[in-house]
Structure formats: C-alpha cells, structure tokens
Amino acid sequence: MAVKVKKIEQKKMPFLERIYIFYIIAGMARTFRHFIRNLLNTKNIEFLEYPEQKPEDITPRYRGLHRLTKYESGELKCVACDMCATACPAKCIYIEACEVEGSKEKAPKVFNIDLLECVFCGLCVEACPKDAIRMDSGIFTKVEGKREDFISDINELSSRKRGDF
C-alpha cells in the first residue's frame, strides 16, 4: 500500500519582503529618532547609578546568583555527581570530588562557578538530583574589579541564603 505524500506549496514573498530593506530602514529610522530625541533633551533620560541604586522593578521570578544548599545538620547536599557541570552549556562549573569518611557518598572539595561565562540558564539547577544548587538568592548581580573575583567558590556559594538581597 503506497502512502500519498501531499506536497506543500510555498508562498512566494514579494521582492521587498525577501530582502527586508523596508524593515531595516524602519528600524534604523526609529533608532535615529530616539538618538536625536535623547541628544536634544537629556533631562528626560532615565538612568540608574548602579550599584549605589538598586533596580526596584525586578520580577520575583528572577533567578539571581547561584547558591549551594545545606541539610539541617549544616553539611552540603552536593554529592559532587558532576551533573550540573555536564548540563551547563557554557561549561563554567568546575567540580573536584573527595571521599567523605564514614559515608558512601562523595562531597565537593572544589566547586567553582565562573560568573562571567555563566549564561544564567538554570540548567544546572534542573540537572541536580539532590536539589543542591539553586538560583534563588535574589542577588541581582555581582560588581567586582578583577576577573578572578567573579569566580564563586564553594565557601561563597554555600554562605548565600535564599533571598539574599
């Protein structure tokens, strides 16, 4: 029994739509209008002197910076399974595991996240089987002077609390 395949006809776009010239010119005209308006009237430009002034209209669903969660006993939930580092598309998470005495589980000896490479997608949170890493700190951003200061280590990640503003 032969299956009939129905061919889908593609609609022909007019030439001007195919080359997007109209849309490019319209976008550039809008950008130029905003530029001229702001150049002539600088008093109406809204700006924020960050980090002295924090943005007020951040949505409650904003993920914020990463944090490592702990049990009530104070030990980290992370078992250094490397699932978060594997799921990370930016490859910004580095974990080095060590054995825990008297336990079958491992623990992270080194847990670093390079925040300059992180794309804040949240895949590390979704991949974690122990719910050890979260992005609910509420910290909007980190302001530092050197590149090395943007690498969050295990001490910094485990000291963050939920909703740390």
C-alpha atoms as a PDB file:
ATOM      1  CA  MET A   1       0.000   0.000   0.000  1.00  0.00           C
ATOM      2  CA  ALA A   2       1.537   3.262  -1.119  1.00  0.00           C
ATOM      3  CA  VAL A   3       1.235   6.349   1.001  1.00  0.00           C
ATOM      4  CA  LYS A   4       0.345   9.537  -0.804  1.00  0.00           C
ATOM      5  CA  VAL A   5       2.600  12.410   0.093  1.00  0.00           C
ATOM      6  CA  LYS A   6       0.978  15.786  -0.240  1.00  0.00           C
ATOM      7  CA  LYS A   7       3.364  18.449  -1.435  1.00  0.00           C
ATOM      8  CA  ILE A   8       3.113  21.728   0.443  1.00  0.00           C
ATOM      9  CA  GLU A   9       3.332  24.735  -1.797  1.00  0.00           C
ATOM     10  CA  GLN A  10       5.459  27.574  -0.563  1.00  0.00           C
ATOM     11  CA  LYS A  11       4.027  31.063  -0.938  1.00  0.00           C
ATOM     12  CA  LYS A  12       6.174  33.455  -2.903  1.00  0.00           C
ATOM     13  CA  MET A  13       7.215  36.544  -0.970  1.00  0.00           C
ATOM     14  CA  PRO A  14       7.452  39.850  -2.791  1.00  0.00           C
ATOM     15  CA  PHE A  15      10.961  41.006  -3.545  1.00  0.00           C
ATOM     16  CA  LEU A  16      10.950  43.849  -0.978  1.00  0.00           C
ATOM     17  CA  GLU A  17       9.901  41.471   1.800  1.00  0.00           C
ATOM     18  CA  ARG A  18      12.570  38.945   0.843  1.00  0.00           C
ATOM     19  CA  ILE A  19      15.428  41.432   1.177  1.00  0.00           C
ATOM     20  CA  TYR A  20      13.995  43.085   4.329  1.00  0.00           C
ATOM     21  CA  ILE A  21      15.109  46.550   3.195  1.00  0.00           C
ATOM     22  CA  PHE A  22      11.902  48.207   4.370  1.00  0.00           C
ATOM     23  CA  TYR A  23      12.203  46.669   7.845  1.00  0.00           C
ATOM     24  CA  ILE A  24      15.875  47.524   8.150  1.00  0.00           C
ATOM     25  CA  ILE A  25      15.225  51.152   7.190  1.00  0.00           C
ATOM     26  CA  ALA A  26      12.236  51.373   9.560  1.00  0.00           C
ATOM     27  CA  GLY A  27      14.332  50.033  12.449  1.00  0.00           C
ATOM     28  CA  MET A  28      17.199  52.401  11.703  1.00  0.00           C
ATOM     29  CA  ALA A  29      14.784  55.353  11.473  1.00  0.00           C
ATOM     30  CA  ARG A  30      13.319  54.516  14.880  1.00  0.00           C
ATOM     31  CA  THR A  31      16.799  54.219  16.405  1.00  0.00           C
ATOM     32  CA  PHE A  32      17.822  57.548  14.855  1.00  0.00           C
ATOM     33  CA  ARG A  33      14.650  59.252  16.202  1.00  0.00           C
ATOM     34  CA  HIS A  34      15.429  58.037  19.735  1.00  0.00           C
ATOM     35  CA  PHE A  35      19.039  59.155  19.375  1.00  0.00           C
ATOM     36  CA  ILE A  36      18.074  62.678  18.246  1.00  0.00           C
ATOM     37  CA  ARG A  37      15.341  62.978  20.919  1.00  0.00           C
ATOM     38  CA  ASN A  38      17.773  61.998  23.693  1.00  0.00           C
ATOM     39  CA  LEU A  39      20.543  64.174  22.275  1.00  0.00           C
ATOM     40  CA  LEU A  40      18.364  67.295  22.255  1.00  0.00           C
ATOM     41  CA  ASN A  41      16.620  66.700  25.590  1.00  0.00           C
ATOM     42  CA  THR A  42      18.955  64.999  28.066  1.00  0.00           C
ATOM     43  CA  LYS A  43      16.799  65.800  31.117  1.00  0.00           C
ATOM     44  CA  ASN A  44      14.242  63.105  30.238  1.00  0.00           C
ATOM     45  CA  ILE A  45      16.775  60.267  30.028  1.00  0.00           C
ATOM     46  CA  GLU A  46      16.177  57.774  32.816  1.00  0.00           C
ATOM     47  CA  PHE A  47      19.237  56.115  34.252  1.00  0.00           C
ATOM     48  CA  LEU A  48      20.272  54.205  37.327  1.00  0.00           C
ATOM     49  CA  GLU A  49      23.534  54.753  39.185  1.00  0.00           C
ATOM     50  CA  TYR A  50      24.279  51.092  39.738  1.00  0.00           C
ATOM     51  CA  PRO A  51      25.486  49.638  42.176  1.00  0.00           C
ATOM     52  CA  GLU A  52      24.613  52.531  44.523  1.00  0.00           C
ATOM     53  CA  GLN A  53      20.982  52.443  43.361  1.00  0.00           C
ATOM     54  CA  LYS A  54      19.392  49.022  43.014  1.00  0.00           C
ATOM     55  CA  PRO A  55      16.668  48.396  40.438  1.00  0.00           C
ATOM     56  CA  GLU A  56      13.257  48.291  42.081  1.00  0.00           C
ATOM     57  CA  ASP A  57      11.253  46.519  39.417  1.00  0.00           C
ATOM     58  CA  ILE A  58      12.993  43.130  39.389  1.00  0.00           C
ATOM     59  CA  THR A  59      10.454  40.376  38.953  1.00  0.00           C
ATOM     60  CA  PRO A  60      10.123  37.885  41.816  1.00  0.00           C
ATOM     61  CA  ARG A  61      10.813  35.108  39.302  1.00  0.00           C
ATOM     62  CA  TYR A  62      14.330  36.432  38.677  1.00  0.00           C
ATOM     63  CA  ARG A  63      16.777  33.633  39.365  1.00  0.00           C
ATOM     64  CA  GLY A  64      19.675  35.552  40.866  1.00  0.00           C
ATOM     65  CA  LEU A  65      23.116  34.196  41.596  1.00  0.00           C
ATOM     66  CA  HIS A  66      23.760  30.555  42.443  1.00  0.00           C
ATOM     67  CA  ARG A  67      23.867  29.107  45.933  1.00  0.00           C
ATOM     68  CA  LEU A  68      24.574  25.685  47.396  1.00  0.00           C
ATOM     69  CA  THR A  69      22.000  24.320  49.824  1.00  0.00           C
ATOM     70  CA  LYS A  70      22.699  22.507  53.082  1.00  0.00           C
ATOM     71  CA  TYR A  71      20.955  19.958  55.276  1.00  0.00           C
ATOM     72  CA  GLU A  72      19.730  20.980  58.722  1.00  0.00           C
ATOM     73  CA  SER A  73      22.932  19.458  60.114  1.00  0.00           C
ATOM     74  CA  GLY A  74      24.943  22.025  58.152  1.00  0.00           C
ATOM     75  CA  GLU A  75      26.585  19.728  55.603  1.00  0.00           C
ATOM     76  CA  LEU A  76      26.221  20.401  51.895  1.00  0.00           C
ATOM     77  CA  LYS A  77      23.613  18.498  49.917  1.00  0.00           C
ATOM     78  CA  CYS A  78      26.003  18.312  46.957  1.00  0.00           C
ATOM     79  CA  VAL A  79      27.475  14.856  46.348  1.00  0.00           C
ATOM     80  CA  ALA A  80      29.803  16.011  43.542  1.00  0.00           C
ATOM     81  CA  CYS A  81      27.983  13.929  40.932  1.00  0.00           C
ATOM     82  CA  ASP A  82      29.031  16.417  38.217  1.00  0.00           C
ATOM     83  CA  MET A  83      25.529  16.513  36.707  1.00  0.00           C
ATOM     84  CA  CYS A  84      25.326  20.312  36.897  1.00  0.00           C
ATOM     85  CA  ALA A  85      28.700  20.728  35.188  1.00  0.00           C
ATOM     86  CA  THR A  86      27.652  18.270  32.483  1.00  0.00           C
ATOM     87  CA  ALA A  87      24.349  20.065  31.845  1.00  0.00           C
ATOM     88  CA  CYS A  88      25.951  23.530  31.738  1.00  0.00           C
ATOM     89  CA  PRO A  89      26.074  24.795  28.118  1.00  0.00           C
ATOM     90  CA  ALA A  90      28.742  27.391  28.972  1.00  0.00           C
ATOM     91  CA  LYS A  91      30.956  24.862  30.804  1.00  0.00           C
ATOM     92  CA  CYS A  92      31.513  27.364  33.609  1.00  0.00           C
ATOM     93  CA  ILE A  93      31.166  24.935  36.535  1.00  0.00           C
ATOM     94  CA  TYR A  94      34.222  23.088  37.848  1.00  0.00           C
ATOM     95  CA  ILE A  95      33.836  20.392  40.499  1.00  0.00           C
ATOM     96  CA  GLU A  96      36.521  18.320  42.173  1.00  0.00           C
ATOM     97  CA  ALA A  97      35.250  15.497  44.390  1.00  0.00           C
ATOM     98  CA  CYS A  98      36.664  13.932  47.546  1.00  0.00           C
ATOM     99  CA  GLU A  99      35.680  10.946  49.691  1.00  0.00           C
ATOM    100  CA  VAL A 100      33.756  11.537  52.913  1.00  0.00           C
ATOM    101  CA  GLU A 101      34.911   9.412  55.833  1.00  0.00           C
ATOM    102  CA  GLY A 102      32.226   7.105  57.220  1.00  0.00           C
ATOM    103  CA  SER A 103      29.920   7.632  54.224  1.00  0.00           C
ATOM    104  CA  LYS A 104      29.419   6.097  50.804  1.00  0.00           C
ATOM    105  CA  GLU A 105      28.776   9.480  49.230  1.00  0.00           C
ATOM    106  CA  LYS A 106      31.294  11.946  47.887  1.00  0.00           C
ATOM    107  CA  ALA A 107      31.462  15.642  48.598  1.00  0.00           C
ATOM    108  CA  PRO A 108      32.853  18.531  46.595  1.00  0.00           C
ATOM    109  CA  LYS A 109      36.353  19.584  47.563  1.00  0.00           C
ATOM    110  CA  VAL A 110      36.318  22.318  44.908  1.00  0.00           C
ATOM    111  CA  PHE A 111      33.125  23.820  43.460  1.00  0.00           C
ATOM    112  CA  ASN A 112      33.702  26.890  41.288  1.00  0.00           C
ATOM    113  CA  ILE A 113      31.328  28.804  39.026  1.00  0.00           C
ATOM    114  CA  ASP A 114      32.750  31.414  36.669  1.00  0.00           C
ATOM    115  CA  LEU A 115      30.001  34.046  36.616  1.00  0.00           C
ATOM    116  CA  LEU A 116      31.479  35.826  33.593  1.00  0.00           C
ATOM    117  CA  GLU A 117      30.982  32.709  31.483  1.00  0.00           C
ATOM    118  CA  CYS A 118      27.637  31.692  33.003  1.00  0.00           C
ATOM    119  CA  VAL A 119      24.560  32.388  30.869  1.00  0.00           C
ATOM    120  CA  PHE A 120      22.165  32.006  33.866  1.00  0.00           C
ATOM    121  CA  CYS A 121      20.017  29.477  32.030  1.00  0.00           C
ATOM    122  CA  GLY A 122      19.248  27.388  35.119  1.00  0.00           C
ATOM    123  CA  LEU A 123      20.073  24.034  33.528  1.00  0.00           C
ATOM    124  CA  CYS A 124      22.431  23.264  36.414  1.00  0.00           C
ATOM    125  CA  VAL A 125      19.517  23.640  38.830  1.00  0.00           C
ATOM    126  CA  GLU A 126      17.315  21.358  36.737  1.00  0.00           C
ATOM    127  CA  ALA A 127      20.028  18.699  36.407  1.00  0.00           C
ATOM    128  CA  CYS A 128      20.854  18.406  40.115  1.00  0.00           C
ATOM    129  CA  PRO A 129      19.369  15.197  41.556  1.00  0.00           C
ATOM    130  CA  LYS A 130      19.848  16.317  45.181  1.00  0.00           C
ATOM    131  CA  ASP A 131      18.467  19.870  44.836  1.00  0.00           C
ATOM    132  CA  ALA A 132      21.874  21.050  45.992  1.00  0.00           C
ATOM    133  CA  ILE A 133      22.279  24.042  43.687  1.00  0.00           C
ATOM    134  CA  ARG A 134      19.680  26.758  43.342  1.00  0.00           C
ATOM    135  CA  MET A 135      19.412  30.168  41.757  1.00  0.00           C
ATOM    136  CA  ASP A 136      17.030  31.757  44.240  1.00  0.00           C
ATOM    137  CA  SER A 137      19.455  34.004  46.080  1.00  0.00           C
ATOM    138  CA  GLY A 138      17.787  37.130  44.694  1.00  0.00           C
ATOM    139  CA  ILE A 139      21.178  38.782  44.217  1.00  0.00           C
ATOM    140  CA  PHE A 140      20.769  40.874  41.075  1.00  0.00           C
ATOM    141  CA  THR A 141      24.400  40.923  40.007  1.00  0.00           C
ATOM    142  CA  LYS A 142      27.919  40.932  41.317  1.00  0.00           C
ATOM    143  CA  VAL A 143      30.113  44.015  40.946  1.00  0.00           C
ATOM    144  CA  GLU A 144      33.857  43.451  41.137  1.00  0.00           C
ATOM    145  CA  GLY A 145      37.045  44.981  39.824  1.00  0.00           C
ATOM    146  CA  LYS A 146      39.047  41.935  38.712  1.00  0.00           C
ATOM    147  CA  ARG A 147      38.138  38.894  36.639  1.00  0.00           C
ATOM    148  CA  GLU A 148      39.265  36.495  39.387  1.00  0.00           C
ATOM    149  CA  ASP A 149      36.662  37.950  41.761  1.00  0.00           C
ATOM    150  CA  PHE A 150      33.843  36.697  39.522  1.00  0.00           C
ATOM    151  CA  ILE A 151      34.689  33.069  40.232  1.00  0.00           C
ATOM    152  CA  SER A 152      32.377  31.939  43.031  1.00  0.00           C
ATOM    153  CA  ASP A 153      33.977  29.212  45.137  1.00  0.00           C
ATOM    154  CA  ILE A 154      32.406  26.655  47.448  1.00  0.00           C
ATOM    155  CA  ASN A 155      32.632  28.922  50.510  1.00  0.00           C
ATOM    156  CA  GLU A 156      30.883  31.833  48.819  1.00  0.00           C
ATOM    157  CA  LEU A 157      28.216  29.603  47.228  1.00  0.00           C
ATOM    158  CA  SER A 158      27.386  27.819  50.471  1.00  0.00           C
ATOM    159  CA  SER A 159      27.206  31.042  52.507  1.00  0.00           C
ATOM    160  CA  ARG A 160      24.488  32.610  50.317  1.00  0.00           C
ATOM    161  CA  LYS A 161      20.966  32.420  51.660  1.00  0.00           C
ATOM    162  CA  ARG A 162      17.639  32.374  49.876  1.00  0.00           C
ATOM    163  CA  GLY A 163      16.511  35.893  49.080  1.00  0.00           C
ATOM    164  CA  ASP A 164      19.880  37.494  49.940  1.00  0.00           C
ATOM    165  CA  PHE A 165      19.450  40.981  48.557  1.00  0.00           C
END
